[in-house]
């Protein structure tokens, strides 16, 4: 049984299902650049490495990783723009 989906309010959502590294990160970077500080981006990916990739990306860029969750084959990431 899976946990309920994270209920984090987000400003924008992007779907990167079917894309492999580094494309989910690149799409997220582009989306974050169009957002204001403090806004939250939800990224849905099917890349199993995306959990590790988003942790590293946030550490390097200073954006805040609010949460990550896996539901079925989807890896969901919430990133708060710095």
PDB file of N, CA and C in Angstrom:
ATOM      1  N   UNK A   1       0.842  -1.197   0.000  1.00  0.00           N
ATOM      2  CA  UNK A   1       0.000   0.000   0.000  1.00  0.00           C
ATOM      3  C   UNK A   1       0.882   1.253   0.000  1.00  0.00           C
ATOM      4  N   UNK A   2       0.496   2.193  -0.836  1.00  0.00           N
ATOM      5  CA  UNK A   2       1.314   3.404  -0.963  1.00  0.00           C
ATOM      6  C   UNK A   2       0.811   4.511  -0.048  1.00  0.00           C
ATOM      7  N   UNK A   3       1.736   5.384   0.382  1.00  0.00           N
ATOM      8  CA  UNK A   3       1.307   6.525   1.199  1.00  0.00           C
ATOM      9  C   UNK A   3       0.475   7.478   0.354  1.00  0.00           C
ATOM     10  N   UNK A   4      -0.348   8.298   1.003  1.00  0.00           N
ATOM     11  CA  UNK A   4      -1.117   9.277   0.227  1.00  0.00           C
ATOM     12  C   UNK A   4      -0.175  10.273  -0.437  1.00  0.00           C
ATOM     13  N   UNK A   5      -0.583  10.859  -1.559  1.00  0.00           N
ATOM     14  CA  UNK A   5       0.276  11.826  -2.241  1.00  0.00           C
ATOM     15  C   UNK A   5       0.608  13.011  -1.333  1.00  0.00           C
ATOM     16  N   UNK A   6       1.818  13.522  -1.494  1.00  0.00           N
ATOM     17  CA  UNK A   6       2.203  14.726  -0.755  1.00  0.00           C
ATOM     18  C   UNK A   6       1.271  15.852  -1.171  1.00  0.00           C
ATOM     19  N   UNK A   7       0.778  16.594  -0.199  1.00  0.00           N
ATOM     20  CA  UNK A   7      -0.134  17.696  -0.494  1.00  0.00           C
ATOM     21  C   UNK A   7       0.606  19.012  -0.281  1.00  0.00           C
ATOM     22  N   UNK A   8       1.451  19.342  -1.247  1.00  0.00           N
ATOM     23  CA  UNK A   8       2.247  20.571  -1.178  1.00  0.00           C
ATOM     24  C   UNK A   8       1.712  21.525  -2.250  1.00  0.00           C
ATOM     25  N   UNK A   9       1.307  22.701  -1.815  1.00  0.00           N
ATOM     26  CA  UNK A   9       0.814  23.693  -2.782  1.00  0.00           C
ATOM     27  C   UNK A   9       1.938  24.068  -3.728  1.00  0.00           C
ATOM     28  N   UNK A  10       1.624  24.097  -5.017  1.00  0.00           N
ATOM     29  CA  UNK A  10       2.643  24.454  -6.000  1.00  0.00           C
ATOM     30  C   UNK A  10       2.076  25.453  -6.996  1.00  0.00           C
ATOM     31  N   UNK A  11       2.974  26.262  -7.535  1.00  0.00           N
ATOM     32  CA  UNK A  11       2.618  27.311  -8.480  1.00  0.00           C
ATOM     33  C   UNK A  11       2.547  26.767  -9.892  1.00  0.00           C
ATOM     34  N   UNK A  12       3.460  25.852 -10.206  1.00  0.00           N
ATOM     35  CA  UNK A  12       3.600  25.340 -11.571  1.00  0.00           C
ATOM     36  C   UNK A  12       3.919  23.852 -11.509  1.00  0.00           C
ATOM     37  N   UNK A  13       3.482  23.117 -12.535  1.00  0.00           N
ATOM     38  CA  UNK A  13       3.765  21.684 -12.615  1.00  0.00           C
ATOM     39  C   UNK A  13       4.279  21.365 -14.013  1.00  0.00           C
ATOM     40  N   UNK A  14       5.332  20.553 -14.068  1.00  0.00           N
ATOM     41  CA  UNK A  14       5.809  20.085 -15.372  1.00  0.00           C
ATOM     42  C   UNK A  14       5.852  18.561 -15.375  1.00  0.00           C
ATOM     43  N   UNK A  15       5.558  17.995 -16.524  1.00  0.00           N
ATOM     44  CA  UNK A  15       5.531  16.551 -16.705  1.00  0.00           C
ATOM     45  C   UNK A  15       6.733  16.155 -17.556  1.00  0.00           C
ATOM     46  N   UNK A  16       7.674  15.442 -16.945  1.00  0.00           N
ATOM     47  CA  UNK A  16       8.867  15.013 -17.684  1.00  0.00           C
ATOM     48  C   UNK A  16       8.881  13.494 -17.828  1.00  0.00           C
ATOM     49  N   UNK A  17       7.714  12.869 -17.762  1.00  0.00           N
ATOM     50  CA  UNK A  17       7.623  11.409 -17.910  1.00  0.00           C
ATOM     51  C   UNK A  17       8.207  10.994 -19.255  1.00  0.00           C
ATOM     52  N   UNK A  18       8.967   9.899 -19.237  1.00  0.00           N
ATOM     53  CA  UNK A  18       9.558   9.379 -20.464  1.00  0.00           C
ATOM     54  C   UNK A  18      10.906   9.986 -20.800  1.00  0.00           C
ATOM     55  N   UNK A  19      11.302  11.032 -20.090  1.00  0.00           N
ATOM     56  CA  UNK A  19      12.593  11.681 -20.347  1.00  0.00           C
ATOM     57  C   UNK A  19      13.638  11.149 -19.375  1.00  0.00           C
ATOM     58  N   UNK A  20      14.850  10.965 -19.868  1.00  0.00           N
ATOM     59  CA  UNK A  20      15.954  10.476 -19.035  1.00  0.00           C
ATOM     60  C   UNK A  20      16.868  11.627 -18.654  1.00  0.00           C
ATOM     61  N   UNK A  21      17.675  11.379 -17.639  1.00  0.00           N
ATOM     62  CA  UNK A  21      18.670  12.347 -17.195  1.00  0.00           C
ATOM     63  C   UNK A  21      19.515  12.788 -18.396  1.00  0.00           C
ATOM     64  N   UNK A  22      19.787  14.043 -18.569  1.00  0.00           N
ATOM     65  CA  UNK A  22      19.546  15.157 -17.659  1.00  0.00           C
ATOM     66  C   UNK A  22      18.284  15.968 -17.993  1.00  0.00           C
ATOM     67  N   UNK A  23      17.442  15.475 -18.895  1.00  0.00           N
ATOM     68  CA  UNK A  23      16.308  16.286 -19.357  1.00  0.00           C
ATOM     69  C   UNK A  23      15.331  16.729 -18.262  1.00  0.00           C
ATOM     70  N   UNK A  24      14.952  15.880 -17.298  1.00  0.00           N
ATOM     71  CA  UNK A  24      14.055  16.389 -16.244  1.00  0.00           C
ATOM     72  C   UNK A  24      14.656  17.576 -15.478  1.00  0.00           C
ATOM     73  N   UNK A  25      15.949  17.505 -15.202  1.00  0.00           N
ATOM     74  CA  UNK A  25      16.623  18.611 -14.496  1.00  0.00           C
ATOM     75  C   UNK A  25      16.654  19.862 -15.382  1.00  0.00           C
ATOM     76  N   UNK A  26      16.984  19.692 -16.655  1.00  0.00           N
ATOM     77  CA  UNK A  26      17.048  20.843 -17.561  1.00  0.00           C
ATOM     78  C   UNK A  26      15.685  21.512 -17.708  1.00  0.00           C
ATOM     79  N   UNK A  27      14.631  20.715 -17.811  1.00  0.00           N
ATOM     80  CA  UNK A  27      13.271  21.279 -17.903  1.00  0.00           C
ATOM     81  C   UNK A  27      12.896  22.004 -16.608  1.00  0.00           C
ATOM     82  N   UNK A  28      13.276  21.424 -15.479  1.00  0.00           N
ATOM     83  CA  UNK A  28      12.999  22.053 -14.183  1.00  0.00           C
ATOM     84  C   UNK A  28      13.757  23.369 -14.060  1.00  0.00           C
ATOM     85  N   UNK A  29      15.004  23.371 -14.485  1.00  0.00           N
ATOM     86  CA  UNK A  29      15.832  24.587 -14.420  1.00  0.00           C
ATOM     87  C   UNK A  29      15.200  25.705 -15.245  1.00  0.00           C
ATOM     88  N   UNK A  30      14.711  25.352 -16.445  1.00  0.00           N
ATOM     89  CA  UNK A  30      14.067  26.338 -17.320  1.00  0.00           C
ATOM     90  C   UNK A  30      12.780  26.865 -16.682  1.00  0.00           C
ATOM     91  N   UNK A  31      11.977  25.963 -16.111  1.00  0.00           N
ATOM     92  CA  UNK A  31      10.717  26.372 -15.477  1.00  0.00           C
ATOM     93  C   UNK A  31      10.985  27.262 -14.265  1.00  0.00           C
ATOM     94  N   UNK A  32      11.975  26.904 -13.449  1.00  0.00           N
ATOM     95  CA  UNK A  32      12.307  27.699 -12.268  1.00  0.00           C
ATOM     96  C   UNK A  32      12.784  29.100 -12.647  1.00  0.00           C
ATOM     97  N   UNK A  33      13.471  29.209 -13.765  1.00  0.00           N
ATOM     98  CA  UNK A  33      13.971  30.514 -14.214  1.00  0.00           C
ATOM     99  C   UNK A  33      12.829  31.474 -14.539  1.00  0.00           C
ATOM    100  N   UNK A  34      11.673  30.912 -14.874  1.00  0.00           N
ATOM    101  CA  UNK A  34      10.501  31.734 -15.224  1.00  0.00           C
ATOM    102  C   UNK A  34       9.623  32.025 -14.009  1.00  0.00           C
ATOM    103  N   UNK A  35      10.009  31.518 -12.848  1.00  0.00           N
ATOM    104  CA  UNK A  35       9.206  31.660 -11.636  1.00  0.00           C
ATOM    105  C   UNK A  35       9.827  32.681 -10.686  1.00  0.00           C
ATOM    106  N   UNK A  36       8.996  33.196  -9.781  1.00  0.00           N
ATOM    107  CA  UNK A  36       9.465  34.157  -8.783  1.00  0.00           C
ATOM    108  C   UNK A  36      10.011  33.416  -7.556  1.00  0.00           C
ATOM    109  N   UNK A  37      10.858  34.088  -6.797  1.00  0.00           N
ATOM    110  CA  UNK A  37      11.412  33.517  -5.571  1.00  0.00           C
ATOM    111  C   UNK A  37      10.273  33.094  -4.648  1.00  0.00           C
ATOM    112  N   UNK A  38      10.410  31.914  -4.059  1.00  0.00           N
ATOM    113  CA  UNK A  38       9.404  31.419  -3.124  1.00  0.00           C
ATOM    114  C   UNK A  38       8.312  30.579  -3.763  1.00  0.00           C
ATOM    115  N   UNK A  39       8.202  30.626  -5.088  1.00  0.00           N
ATOM    116  CA  UNK A  39       7.195  29.807  -5.755  1.00  0.00           C
ATOM    117  C   UNK A  39       7.668  28.352  -5.799  1.00  0.00           C
ATOM    118  N   UNK A  40       6.713  27.427  -5.930  1.00  0.00           N
ATOM    119  CA  UNK A  40       7.025  26.000  -5.862  1.00  0.00           C
ATOM    120  C   UNK A  40       6.706  25.321  -7.187  1.00  0.00           C
ATOM    121  N   UNK A  41       7.664  24.515  -7.653  1.00  0.00           N
ATOM    122  CA  UNK A  41       7.538  23.748  -8.883  1.00  0.00           C
ATOM    123  C   UNK A  41       7.346  22.280  -8.538  1.00  0.00           C
ATOM    124  N   UNK A  42       6.346  21.650  -9.171  1.00  0.00           N
ATOM    125  CA  UNK A  42       6.149  20.209  -9.042  1.00  0.00           C
ATOM    126  C   UNK A  42       6.637  19.565 -10.330  1.00  0.00           C
ATOM    127  N   UNK A  43       7.515  18.584 -10.208  1.00  0.00           N
ATOM    128  CA  UNK A  43       8.045  17.875 -11.372  1.00  0.00           C
ATOM    129  C   UNK A  43       7.651  16.406 -11.257  1.00  0.00           C
ATOM    130  N   UNK A  44       7.034  15.873 -12.308  1.00  0.00           N
ATOM    131  CA  UNK A  44       6.681  14.457 -12.354  1.00  0.00           C
ATOM    132  C   UNK A  44       7.598  13.798 -13.381  1.00  0.00           C
ATOM    133  N   UNK A  45       8.290  12.744 -12.957  1.00  0.00           N
ATOM    134  CA  UNK A  45       9.278  12.076 -13.793  1.00  0.00           C
ATOM    135  C   UNK A  45       9.094  10.560 -13.712  1.00  0.00           C
ATOM    136  N   UNK A  46       9.605   9.850 -14.711  1.00  0.00           N
ATOM    137  CA  UNK A  46       9.640   8.391 -14.644  1.00  0.00           C
ATOM    138  C   UNK A  46      11.083   7.889 -14.566  1.00  0.00           C
ATOM    139  N   UNK A  47      12.030   8.797 -14.452  1.00  0.00           N
ATOM    140  CA  UNK A  47      13.455   8.438 -14.375  1.00  0.00           C
ATOM    141  C   UNK A  47      13.803   8.032 -12.943  1.00  0.00           C
ATOM    142  N   UNK A  48      14.168   6.751 -12.722  1.00  0.00           N
ATOM    143  CA  UNK A  48      14.488   6.295 -11.366  1.00  0.00           C
ATOM    144  C   UNK A  48      15.634   7.075 -10.722  1.00  0.00           C
ATOM    145  N   UNK A  49      16.529   7.629 -11.509  1.00  0.00           N
ATOM    146  CA  UNK A  49      17.645   8.400 -10.959  1.00  0.00           C
ATOM    147  C   UNK A  49      17.274   9.821 -10.584  1.00  0.00           C
ATOM    148  N   UNK A  50      16.038  10.213 -10.858  1.00  0.00           N
ATOM    149  CA  UNK A  50      15.657  11.614 -10.634  1.00  0.00           C
ATOM    150  C   UNK A  50      15.638  11.997  -9.162  1.00  0.00           C
ATOM    151  N   UNK A  51      15.380  11.048  -8.243  1.00  0.00           N
ATOM    152  CA  UNK A  51      15.417  11.396  -6.818  1.00  0.00           C
ATOM    153  C   UNK A  51      16.801  11.909  -6.440  1.00  0.00           C
ATOM    154  N   UNK A  52      17.821  11.158  -6.829  1.00  0.00           N
ATOM    155  CA  UNK A  52      19.208  11.558  -6.552  1.00  0.00           C
ATOM    156  C   UNK A  52      19.554  12.852  -7.296  1.00  0.00           C
ATOM    157  N   UNK A  53      19.128  12.928  -8.564  1.00  0.00           N
ATOM    158  CA  UNK A  53      19.448  14.100  -9.393  1.00  0.00           C
ATOM    159  C   UNK A  53      18.862  15.384  -8.812  1.00  0.00           C
ATOM    160  N   UNK A  54      17.620  15.333  -8.341  1.00  0.00           N
ATOM    161  CA  UNK A  54      16.991  16.547  -7.805  1.00  0.00           C
ATOM    162  C   UNK A  54      17.595  16.951  -6.469  1.00  0.00           C
ATOM    163  N   UNK A  55      18.017  15.969  -5.664  1.00  0.00           N
ATOM    164  CA  UNK A  55      18.704  16.320  -4.409  1.00  0.00           C
ATOM    165  C   UNK A  55      20.002  17.071  -4.722  1.00  0.00           C
ATOM    166  N   UNK A  56      20.777  16.558  -5.676  1.00  0.00           N
ATOM    167  CA  UNK A  56      22.044  17.194  -6.055  1.00  0.00           C
ATOM    168  C   UNK A  56      21.797  18.564  -6.691  1.00  0.00           C
ATOM    169  N   UNK A  57      20.797  18.645  -7.566  1.00  0.00           N
ATOM    170  CA  UNK A  57      20.466  19.900  -8.243  1.00  0.00           C
ATOM    171  C   UNK A  57      20.124  20.996  -7.224  1.00  0.00           C
ATOM    172  N   UNK A  58      19.298  20.668  -6.252  1.00  0.00           N
ATOM    173  CA  UNK A  58      18.905  21.670  -5.254  1.00  0.00           C
ATOM    174  C   UNK A  58      20.084  22.086  -4.383  1.00  0.00           C
ATOM    175  N   UNK A  59      20.922  21.124  -4.043  1.00  0.00           N
ATOM    176  CA  UNK A  59      22.105  21.439  -3.234  1.00  0.00           C
ATOM    177  C   UNK A  59      23.025  22.397  -3.997  1.00  0.00           C
ATOM    178  N   UNK A  60      23.187  22.158  -5.296  1.00  0.00           N
ATOM    179  CA  UNK A  60      24.091  22.981  -6.111  1.00  0.00           C
ATOM    180  C   UNK A  60      23.526  24.363  -6.410  1.00  0.00           C
ATOM    181  N   UNK A  61      22.204  24.466  -6.564  1.00  0.00           N
ATOM    182  CA  UNK A  61      21.605  25.729  -7.013  1.00  0.00           C
ATOM    183  C   UNK A  61      21.042  26.584  -5.887  1.00  0.00           C
ATOM    184  N   UNK A  62      20.904  26.007  -4.685  1.00  0.00           N
ATOM    185  CA  UNK A  62      20.357  26.772  -3.576  1.00  0.00           C
ATOM    186  C   UNK A  62      18.837  26.784  -3.541  1.00  0.00           C
ATOM    187  N   UNK A  63      18.194  26.075  -4.472  1.00  0.00           N
ATOM    188  CA  UNK A  63      16.742  25.921  -4.400  1.00  0.00           C
ATOM    189  C   UNK A  63      16.452  24.897  -3.308  1.00  0.00           C
ATOM    190  N   UNK A  64      15.228  24.935  -2.752  1.00  0.00           N
ATOM    191  CA  UNK A  64      14.893  24.052  -1.640  1.00  0.00           C
ATOM    192  C   UNK A  64      14.038  22.883  -2.117  1.00  0.00           C
ATOM    193  N   UNK A  65      14.480  21.681  -1.794  1.00  0.00           N
ATOM    194  CA  UNK A  65      13.714  20.484  -2.124  1.00  0.00           C
ATOM    195  C   UNK A  65      12.726  20.255  -0.977  1.00  0.00           C
ATOM    196  N   UNK A  66      11.442  20.528  -1.235  1.00  0.00           N
ATOM    197  CA  UNK A  66      10.424  20.430  -0.190  1.00  0.00           C
ATOM    198  C   UNK A  66       9.970  19.002   0.059  1.00  0.00           C
ATOM    199  N   UNK A  67      10.048  18.166  -0.966  1.00  0.00           N
ATOM    200  CA  UNK A  67       9.625  16.783  -0.791  1.00  0.00           C
ATOM    201  C   UNK A  67       9.782  15.980  -2.060  1.00  0.00           C
ATOM    202  N   UNK A  68       9.869  14.661  -1.885  1.00  0.00           N
ATOM    203  CA  UNK A  68       9.946  13.727  -3.005  1.00  0.00           C
ATOM    204  C   UNK A  68       9.063  12.547  -2.663  1.00  0.00           C
ATOM    205  N   UNK A  69       8.431  11.989  -3.699  1.00  0.00           N
ATOM    206  CA  UNK A  69       7.574  10.834  -3.471  1.00  0.00           C
ATOM    207  C   UNK A  69       7.538   9.973  -4.714  1.00  0.00           C
ATOM    208  N   UNK A  70       7.422   8.673  -4.511  1.00  0.00           N
ATOM    209  CA  UNK A  70       7.275   7.739  -5.619  1.00  0.00           C
ATOM    210  C   UNK A  70       5.874   7.145  -5.548  1.00  0.00           C
ATOM    211  N   UNK A  71       5.125   7.290  -6.630  1.00  0.00           N
ATOM    212  CA  UNK A  71       3.788   6.700  -6.729  1.00  0.00           C
ATOM    213  C   UNK A  71       3.762   5.887  -8.009  1.00  0.00           C
ATOM    214  N   UNK A  72       3.610   4.574  -7.868  1.00  0.00           N
ATOM    215  CA  UNK A  72       3.694   3.645  -8.993  1.00  0.00           C
ATOM    216  C   UNK A  72       5.031   3.864  -9.698  1.00  0.00           C
ATOM    217  N   UNK A  73       5.002   4.291 -10.964  1.00  0.00           N
ATOM    218  CA  UNK A  73       6.256   4.512 -11.704  1.00  0.00           C
ATOM    219  C   UNK A  73       6.610   5.992 -11.805  1.00  0.00           C
ATOM    220  N   UNK A  74       5.875   6.836 -11.081  1.00  0.00           N
ATOM    221  CA  UNK A  74       6.134   8.277 -11.115  1.00  0.00           C
ATOM    222  C   UNK A  74       6.970   8.712  -9.916  1.00  0.00           C
ATOM    223  N   UNK A  75       7.977   9.525 -10.200  1.00  0.00           N
ATOM    224  CA  UNK A  75       8.809  10.136  -9.170  1.00  0.00           C
ATOM    225  C   UNK A  75       8.425  11.611  -9.134  1.00  0.00           C
ATOM    226  N   UNK A  76       7.955  12.063  -7.992  1.00  0.00           N
ATOM    227  CA  UNK A  76       7.423  13.424  -7.866  1.00  0.00           C
ATOM    228  C   UNK A  76       8.343  14.236  -6.965  1.00  0.00           C
ATOM    229  N   UNK A  77       8.663  15.441  -7.436  1.00  0.00           N
ATOM    230  CA  UNK A  77       9.584  16.329  -6.730  1.00  0.00           C
ATOM    231  C   UNK A  77       8.945  17.700  -6.576  1.00  0.00           C
ATOM    232  N   UNK A  78       9.095  18.300  -5.398  1.00  0.00           N
ATOM    233  CA  UNK A  78       8.620  19.662  -5.154  1.00  0.00           C
ATOM    234  C   UNK A  78       9.840  20.531  -4.848  1.00  0.00           C
ATOM    235  N   UNK A  79      10.062  21.540  -5.686  1.00  0.00           N
ATOM    236  CA  UNK A  79      11.229  22.406  -5.561  1.00  0.00           C
ATOM    237  C   UNK A  79      10.774  23.844  -5.357  1.00  0.00           C
ATOM    238  N   UNK A  80      11.263  24.464  -4.289  1.00  0.00           N
ATOM    239  CA  UNK A  80      10.943  25.867  -3.992  1.00  0.00           C
ATOM    240  C   UNK A  80      12.047  26.749  -4.562  1.00  0.00           C
ATOM    241  N   UNK A  81      11.633  27.707  -5.384  1.00  0.00           N
ATOM    242  CA  UNK A  81      12.582  28.616  -6.035  1.00  0.00           C
ATOM    243  C   UNK A  81      13.259  29.506  -5.014  1.00  0.00           C
ATOM    244  N   UNK A  82      14.587  29.621  -5.130  1.00  0.00           N
ATOM    245  CA  UNK A  82      15.355  30.464  -4.197  1.00  0.00           C
ATOM    246  C   UNK A  82      15.176  31.929  -4.512  1.00  0.00           C
TER     247      UNK A  82
END
